Amino acid sequence: MAVVVSGSDGLGGADGDETQAGPRSEARGGGGSPPPLLEHSQNVVTGEGEREYEVSSCGCDCWYCPDCCKRKGYNLRAELVPILTTFRGLMMLTLTIDPELFPTARDAYLYLRKQRGISRLMRELDGLGHLHSRRYFYVVEFQQRTEQAHFHVLVDASHIPKAAIDAAWSRLRPRWAGPVSINRPAFGMTRFSVGTFAGGALHAARYATKYLVKTPEHGWPAWVMGMGKDRRVPRYQTSRGFWQRDTVPSTPTGKTREALPRTYADRLAECGMFSNLFGLTERIDHETGEVQRERAWLARLGLSEDRLRELLPDARAGRLRMTLRAGSVGACIDALRLAVGEPIRVISGLGVAGARP
């Protein structure tokens, strides 16, 4: 018998209060009135030989997803604020690329990335003494008509001459482009989006991440949706050392998740179609005496978020999490299968689909 002991996460990405799920009186699609397959309890003594597992809904975790980008964007905003408080000045620049220079918007974007264009711009402005530091944070936005990427860049500066930005940005013009045409920029347009942020770091963080927590009404360019498999199009980037984090050596666990190369369109199409299965263990910290719970990924299951929500009808919006107790991984999956009334495929993990360690 598997037992539900928890509910869901809140929208912000942090764990929310545990929400009770009502008992299921019968299996979906089954005849008669069998006993509950997933009994609800908040205080259950684990039976002999039982282990604890967690099933959580699996979004695509993609910045281009209208659902996942909200959680990711708000979490990023919280991380961004304390970093921006260390800037001596805060300005935002907007940088564009002339669409007439390249055959496609994709070519223009890839050229800028290959040339490390924004990094070169910051390096030149710093060399001229216009920056307090070379740290920067930028987000990418796409123009509706031309599908060109343009960049909103937060910089550590109090004053930058517009002529200096124009000159440095113009130097990115490809040599093969020839002379600059009349009434056309050498490489692209530049402007000050915000010369100073009255609300300080919080204002700047909100302004920058507003581009990340929403998707355009006209949708994403087709060339962007076709990327992600071989070449990425990050929605934001930072300078080296921007986060000022100490490097912490990782401790190998011996378990890895398979990384499947997919386009952004593929990832969005799969959002909410799967769940992750984790094994839960408790470890005592011998220095503090505290009991620490650890999660080890076991498998990706063909259990959609909609199906999982049926098992947790009272759960709040956000990522769903359900804790089960069962004698084995196989018994856990069997209980889920009986509860939803249909087979549950093991997509990856466990070595072989249907394995029962």
Protein backbone atom coordinates (compact mmCIF):
# COMPACT_ATOMS: atom_id res chain seq x y z
CA MET A 1 0.00 0.00 0.00
CA ALA A 2 1.35 3.43 -0.94
CA VAL A 3 0.46 6.44 1.17
CA VAL A 4 0.24 10.12 0.17
CA VAL A 5 1.81 12.43 2.71
CA SER A 6 2.30 15.77 0.94
CA GLY A 7 0.87 18.21 -1.59
CA SER A 8 2.38 20.91 -3.79
CA ASP A 9 4.76 23.80 -4.14
CA GLY A 10 3.76 27.42 -4.50
CA LEU A 11 4.23 29.36 -7.74
CA GLY A 12 7.37 31.17 -6.67
CA GLY A 13 9.46 28.02 -6.78
CA ALA A 14 9.88 27.76 -3.01
CA ASP A 15 8.17 24.99 -1.16
CA GLY A 16 4.65 25.93 -0.15
CA ASP A 17 2.63 24.69 2.76
CA GLU A 18 1.77 21.04 2.43
CA THR A 19 -1.76 20.62 1.14
CA GLN A 20 -3.82 17.61 2.01
CA ALA A 21 -5.23 15.50 -0.80
CA GLY A 22 -8.53 13.80 -0.25
CA PRO A 23 -8.67 9.98 -0.37
CA ARG A 24 -9.59 8.28 -3.61
CA SER A 25 -12.45 5.85 -3.02
CA GLU A 26 -12.00 3.92 -6.24
CA ALA A 27 -9.60 3.47 -9.08
CA ARG A 28 -10.16 5.35 -12.33
CA GLY A 29 -11.77 3.17 -14.94
CA GLY A 30 -12.03 0.16 -12.62
CA GLY A 31 -15.16 -1.79 -11.80
CA GLY A 32 -16.76 -2.18 -8.41
CA SER A 33 -15.57 -0.28 -5.34
CA PRO A 34 -12.04 -1.37 -4.47
CA PRO A 35 -10.34 -0.02 -1.36
CA PRO A 36 -8.44 3.28 -1.61
CA LEU A 37 -5.26 2.91 -3.64
CA LEU A 38 -3.60 6.04 -2.33
CA GLU A 39 -4.63 6.56 1.27
CA HIS A 40 -4.19 10.00 2.77
CA SER A 41 -2.40 10.48 6.06
CA GLN A 42 -0.26 13.18 7.62
CA ASN A 43 1.30 10.96 10.27
CA VAL A 44 2.11 7.50 9.02
CA VAL A 45 4.57 5.12 10.56
CA THR A 46 6.61 3.57 7.79
CA GLY A 47 6.00 -0.16 7.67
CA GLU A 48 8.83 -2.63 7.81
CA GLY A 49 10.69 -2.71 4.53
CA GLU A 50 8.89 0.36 3.16
CA ARG A 51 10.72 3.24 1.56
CA GLU A 52 9.67 6.80 0.91
CA TYR A 53 9.33 8.21 -2.61
CA GLU A 54 8.35 11.51 -4.10
CA VAL A 55 6.54 12.14 -7.39
CA SER A 56 6.71 15.71 -8.67
CA SER A 57 5.24 17.30 -11.74
CA CYS A 58 7.82 18.01 -14.38
CA GLY A 59 7.59 21.24 -16.32
CA CYS A 60 9.82 21.92 -19.30
CA ASP A 61 11.89 24.34 -17.15
CA CYS A 62 12.36 26.44 -20.28
CA TRP A 63 12.72 30.21 -20.32
CA TYR A 64 10.47 30.33 -23.38
CA CYS A 65 7.59 28.57 -21.61
CA PRO A 66 4.80 30.97 -20.53
CA ASP A 67 4.34 28.99 -17.31
CA CYS A 68 7.89 28.02 -16.35
CA CYS A 69 9.36 31.45 -17.14
CA LYS A 70 7.35 33.06 -14.36
CA ARG A 71 8.79 30.86 -11.64
CA LYS A 72 12.29 31.11 -13.07
CA GLY A 73 12.06 34.86 -13.57
CA TYR A 74 10.85 35.65 -10.06
CA ASN A 75 13.54 33.42 -8.56
CA LEU A 76 16.18 35.14 -10.69
CA ARG A 77 14.89 38.55 -9.61
CA ALA A 78 15.42 37.63 -5.97
CA GLU A 79 19.02 36.64 -6.73
CA LEU A 80 19.63 39.74 -8.82
CA VAL A 81 18.71 42.39 -6.25
CA PRO A 82 21.59 41.83 -3.77
CA ILE A 83 24.11 41.76 -6.63
CA LEU A 84 22.87 45.04 -8.06
CA THR A 85 23.15 46.71 -4.65
CA THR A 86 26.93 46.36 -5.04
CA PHE A 87 26.91 48.46 -8.23
CA ARG A 88 28.12 52.03 -7.74
CA GLY A 89 25.79 53.19 -10.52
CA LEU A 90 22.94 51.60 -12.46
CA MET A 91 22.06 52.36 -16.06
CA MET A 92 20.27 50.36 -18.74
CA LEU A 93 21.29 50.46 -22.38
CA THR A 94 19.26 49.10 -25.30
CA LEU A 95 21.25 47.79 -28.25
CA THR A 96 19.90 46.70 -31.63
CA ILE A 97 21.33 45.24 -34.85
CA ASP A 98 20.56 46.69 -38.28
CA PRO A 99 18.44 43.99 -40.01
CA GLU A 100 19.82 45.01 -43.42
CA LEU A 101 23.30 43.74 -42.52
CA PHE A 102 22.38 40.04 -42.33
CA PRO A 103 20.27 37.67 -44.42
CA THR A 104 18.21 36.57 -41.40
CA ALA A 105 17.64 37.53 -37.77
CA ARG A 106 19.22 34.22 -36.79
CA ASP A 107 22.41 35.09 -38.68
CA ALA A 108 22.56 38.47 -36.96
CA TYR A 109 22.18 36.93 -33.51
CA LEU A 110 24.76 34.22 -34.09
CA TYR A 111 27.23 36.76 -35.46
CA LEU A 112 26.94 38.91 -32.34
CA ARG A 113 27.38 35.90 -30.07
CA LYS A 114 30.41 34.69 -32.00
CA GLN A 115 31.98 38.14 -31.81
CA ARG A 116 31.19 38.40 -28.08
CA GLY A 117 29.77 41.77 -29.01
CA ILE A 118 28.40 42.97 -25.67
CA SER A 119 31.53 41.86 -23.82
CA ARG A 120 33.67 43.79 -26.34
CA LEU A 121 31.47 46.86 -25.89
CA MET A 122 31.83 46.75 -22.10
CA ARG A 123 35.57 46.21 -22.36
CA GLU A 124 35.97 49.27 -24.57
CA LEU A 125 33.76 51.49 -22.40
CA ASP A 126 35.68 50.38 -19.33
CA GLY A 127 38.99 51.15 -21.05
CA LEU A 128 37.72 54.69 -21.66
CA GLY A 129 36.91 55.04 -17.96
CA HIS A 130 33.11 55.19 -18.34
CA LEU A 131 32.29 52.17 -16.14
CA HIS A 132 32.71 51.55 -12.44
CA SER A 133 33.27 47.86 -13.26
CA ARG A 134 32.85 45.53 -16.22
CA ARG A 135 29.96 43.70 -14.61
CA TYR A 136 26.75 43.60 -16.61
CA PHE A 137 23.48 41.74 -16.95
CA TYR A 138 21.42 41.66 -20.13
CA VAL A 139 18.11 40.26 -21.32
CA VAL A 140 17.11 39.55 -24.90
CA GLU A 141 13.90 40.76 -26.51
CA PHE A 142 12.72 40.04 -30.04
CA GLN A 143 11.18 42.60 -32.36
CA GLN A 144 7.83 41.58 -33.78
CA ARG A 145 8.28 42.73 -37.37
CA THR A 146 11.93 41.92 -38.04
CA GLU A 147 12.31 39.08 -35.49
CA GLN A 148 15.68 40.64 -34.63
CA ALA A 149 17.12 40.24 -31.14
CA HIS A 150 17.83 43.39 -29.22
CA PHE A 151 19.49 43.62 -25.85
CA HIS A 152 18.64 45.44 -22.62
CA VAL A 153 21.87 45.76 -20.66
CA LEU A 154 22.25 46.75 -17.00
CA VAL A 155 25.69 48.28 -16.49
CA ASP A 156 27.68 49.50 -13.50
CA ALA A 157 27.95 53.15 -14.55
CA SER A 158 26.73 56.62 -13.62
CA HIS A 159 27.39 58.39 -16.92
CA ILE A 160 28.37 57.18 -20.38
CA PRO A 161 28.65 59.53 -23.36
CA LYS A 162 26.24 58.41 -26.06
CA ALA A 163 28.94 59.01 -28.67
CA ALA A 164 31.23 56.51 -26.92
CA ILE A 165 28.56 53.79 -27.01
CA ASP A 166 27.76 54.46 -30.66
CA ALA A 167 31.41 54.36 -31.65
CA ALA A 168 32.12 51.11 -29.79
CA TRP A 169 28.96 49.41 -31.08
CA SER A 170 29.73 50.53 -34.65
CA ARG A 171 33.08 48.76 -34.54
CA LEU A 172 31.20 45.45 -34.56
CA ARG A 173 30.16 46.07 -38.17
CA PRO A 174 31.32 43.13 -40.33
CA ARG A 175 34.14 43.93 -42.71
CA TRP A 176 32.28 42.35 -45.59
CA ALA A 177 29.36 44.76 -45.09
CA GLY A 178 31.18 47.53 -46.97
CA PRO A 179 30.69 51.28 -46.43
CA VAL A 180 27.89 52.52 -44.21
CA SER A 181 24.80 53.53 -46.18
CA ILE A 182 23.25 56.95 -45.79
CA ASN A 183 20.67 57.07 -42.99
CA ARG A 184 21.67 53.58 -41.75
CA PRO A 185 23.60 52.84 -38.54
CA ALA A 186 27.02 51.25 -38.86
CA PHE A 187 25.92 48.22 -36.86
CA GLY A 188 22.76 49.07 -34.97
CA MET A 189 20.96 51.65 -32.85
CA THR A 190 21.82 52.39 -29.21
CA ARG A 191 19.89 54.29 -26.59
CA PHE A 192 19.57 54.76 -22.85
CA SER A 193 16.49 52.83 -21.68
CA VAL A 194 16.91 54.14 -18.14
CA GLY A 195 19.55 56.71 -17.23
CA THR A 196 19.11 56.20 -13.52
CA PHE A 197 16.88 53.97 -11.40
CA ALA A 198 15.08 56.00 -8.76
CA GLY A 199 14.20 52.84 -6.84
CA GLY A 200 17.76 51.54 -6.81
CA ALA A 201 18.63 47.87 -7.18
CA LEU A 202 15.07 46.59 -6.68
CA HIS A 203 13.76 48.91 -9.38
CA ALA A 204 16.52 47.83 -11.77
CA ALA A 205 15.97 44.13 -11.08
CA ARG A 206 12.23 44.43 -11.65
CA TYR A 207 12.76 46.41 -14.83
CA ALA A 208 15.19 43.88 -16.28
CA THR A 209 13.29 40.74 -15.31
CA LYS A 210 9.95 42.04 -16.56
CA TYR A 211 11.14 40.84 -19.96
CA LEU A 212 11.73 37.37 -18.53
CA VAL A 213 8.45 36.67 -16.72
CA LYS A 214 6.25 37.14 -19.76
CA THR A 215 6.02 35.92 -23.32
CA PRO A 216 5.22 38.20 -26.28
CA GLU A 217 1.60 38.35 -27.42
CA HIS A 218 2.74 37.66 -30.99
CA GLY A 219 4.71 34.60 -29.89
CA TRP A 220 8.36 33.75 -30.34
CA PRO A 221 10.10 33.91 -33.73
CA ALA A 222 10.11 30.57 -35.52
CA TRP A 223 13.90 30.67 -35.79
CA VAL A 224 14.18 30.88 -32.00
CA MET A 225 11.79 27.97 -31.42
CA GLY A 226 13.90 25.88 -33.79
CA MET A 227 17.01 26.52 -31.69
CA GLY A 228 18.02 24.87 -28.42
CA LYS A 229 19.08 21.50 -29.75
CA ASP A 230 22.49 22.42 -31.14
CA ARG A 231 22.71 26.15 -30.40
CA ARG A 232 21.16 27.93 -27.45
CA VAL A 233 19.49 31.35 -27.35
CA PRO A 234 19.66 32.33 -23.66
CA ARG A 235 17.09 34.89 -22.62
CA TYR A 236 19.64 36.51 -20.32
CA GLN A 237 23.41 36.55 -19.87
CA THR A 238 25.88 38.00 -17.38
CA SER A 239 29.48 39.04 -17.33
CA ARG A 240 32.06 36.68 -15.90
CA GLY A 241 32.06 36.79 -12.10
CA PHE A 242 28.79 38.71 -12.00
CA TRP A 243 27.23 36.54 -9.29
CA GLN A 244 30.33 36.73 -7.05
CA ARG A 245 29.87 33.14 -5.96
CA ASP A 246 32.53 30.92 -4.47
CA THR A 247 33.21 27.80 -6.46
CA VAL A 248 32.05 24.79 -4.47
CA PRO A 249 33.39 21.40 -5.57
CA SER A 250 30.60 19.03 -6.48
CA THR A 251 30.19 15.65 -4.85
CA PRO A 252 29.35 12.96 -7.41
CA THR A 253 26.27 10.95 -6.47
CA GLY A 254 26.64 8.30 -9.14
CA LYS A 255 23.21 9.15 -10.55
CA THR A 256 22.63 11.40 -13.52
CA ARG A 257 19.62 12.45 -15.54
CA GLU A 258 19.74 11.88 -19.26
CA ALA A 259 20.01 15.16 -21.16
CA LEU A 260 18.05 14.84 -24.37
CA PRO A 261 18.90 17.44 -27.03
CA ARG A 262 15.62 19.11 -27.98
CA THR A 263 14.53 22.32 -29.62
CA TYR A 264 12.70 24.92 -27.56
CA ALA A 265 9.52 24.04 -29.45
CA ASP A 266 9.95 20.38 -28.46
CA ARG A 267 10.46 21.29 -24.82
CA LEU A 268 7.36 23.50 -24.72
CA ALA A 269 5.26 20.76 -26.31
CA GLU A 270 6.30 18.37 -23.51
CA CYS A 271 5.70 20.76 -20.62
CA GLY A 272 3.51 19.13 -17.98
CA MET A 273 3.43 15.77 -19.78
CA PHE A 274 5.78 13.96 -17.40
CA SER A 275 6.67 13.56 -13.72
CA ASN A 276 9.90 12.82 -11.89
CA LEU A 277 10.25 10.04 -9.34
CA PHE A 278 12.70 10.51 -6.47
CA GLY A 279 13.83 8.29 -3.64
CA LEU A 280 13.82 10.03 -0.25
CA THR A 281 16.29 9.26 2.49
CA GLU A 282 17.07 10.79 5.86
CA ARG A 283 20.60 11.45 7.04
CA ILE A 284 21.69 12.62 10.50
CA ASP A 285 24.26 15.41 10.55
CA HIS A 286 26.68 14.20 13.22
CA GLU A 287 27.88 17.74 13.96
CA THR A 288 24.46 19.35 14.49
CA GLY A 289 22.34 16.30 15.19
CA GLU A 290 19.81 17.54 12.64
CA VAL A 291 17.96 15.13 10.39
CA GLN A 292 18.41 16.12 6.75
CA ARG A 293 16.21 14.82 3.97
CA GLU A 294 17.88 14.01 0.66
CA ARG A 295 16.30 13.34 -2.73
CA ALA A 296 17.82 11.06 -5.37
CA TRP A 297 16.35 11.07 -8.86
CA LEU A 298 15.18 7.65 -9.99
CA ALA A 299 13.09 7.97 -13.13
CA ARG A 300 11.03 10.11 -15.45
CA LEU A 301 7.48 8.84 -15.69
CA GLY A 302 4.78 9.23 -18.32
CA LEU A 303 2.46 10.73 -15.71
CA SER A 304 1.11 14.12 -16.75
CA GLU A 305 0.55 17.05 -14.43
CA ASP A 306 -3.18 16.83 -15.09
CA ARG A 307 -3.25 13.20 -13.95
CA LEU A 308 -1.16 14.00 -10.89
CA ARG A 309 -3.46 16.89 -10.00
CA GLU A 310 -6.40 14.47 -10.00
CA LEU A 311 -4.67 12.66 -7.15
CA LEU A 312 -4.15 15.98 -5.32
CA PRO A 313 -7.40 17.87 -6.02
CA ASP A 314 -6.88 20.36 -3.18
CA ALA A 315 -3.29 21.24 -4.09
CA ARG A 316 -2.41 24.85 -4.78
CA ALA A 317 -1.25 26.09 -8.16
CA GLY A 318 2.40 25.43 -8.88
CA ARG A 319 4.61 22.40 -8.99
CA LEU A 320 2.84 19.37 -7.56
CA ARG A 321 4.67 17.10 -5.13
CA MET A 322 3.32 13.91 -3.65
CA THR A 323 5.15 11.70 -1.16
CA LEU A 324 4.48 7.96 -1.20
CA ARG A 325 5.56 5.05 0.93
CA ALA A 326 5.93 1.67 -0.71
CA GLY A 327 8.01 -1.47 -0.47
CA SER A 328 9.86 -0.84 -3.75
CA VAL A 329 10.03 1.42 -6.77
CA GLY A 330 7.89 -1.05 -8.67
CA ALA A 331 5.25 -1.09 -5.94
CA CYS A 332 5.21 2.71 -5.96
CA ILE A 333 4.67 2.83 -9.73
CA ASP A 334 2.03 0.11 -9.50
CA ALA A 335 0.09 2.13 -6.91
CA LEU A 336 0.19 5.19 -9.17
CA ARG A 337 -0.91 3.09 -12.14
CA LEU A 338 -3.90 1.69 -10.26
CA ALA A 339 -4.83 5.13 -8.95
CA VAL A 340 -4.95 6.77 -12.38
CA GLY A 341 -6.39 3.70 -14.06
CA GLU A 342 -3.91 3.47 -16.90
CA PRO A 343 -0.34 2.28 -17.54
CA ILE A 344 2.52 4.55 -16.50
CA ARG A 345 5.52 4.37 -18.78
CA VAL A 346 9.06 4.77 -17.47
CA ILE A 347 10.56 7.26 -19.92
CA SER A 348 14.10 7.22 -18.56
CA GLY A 349 15.97 6.04 -15.51
CA LEU A 350 15.84 2.71 -13.63
CA GLY A 351 18.05 1.18 -16.32
CA VAL A 352 15.19 -0.67 -18.01
CA ALA A 353 11.55 0.41 -18.18
CA GLY A 354 9.56 -1.49 -15.59
CA ALA A 355 12.60 -2.45 -13.52
CA ARG A 356 11.80 -2.97 -9.86
CA PRO A 357 14.87 -2.43 -7.69
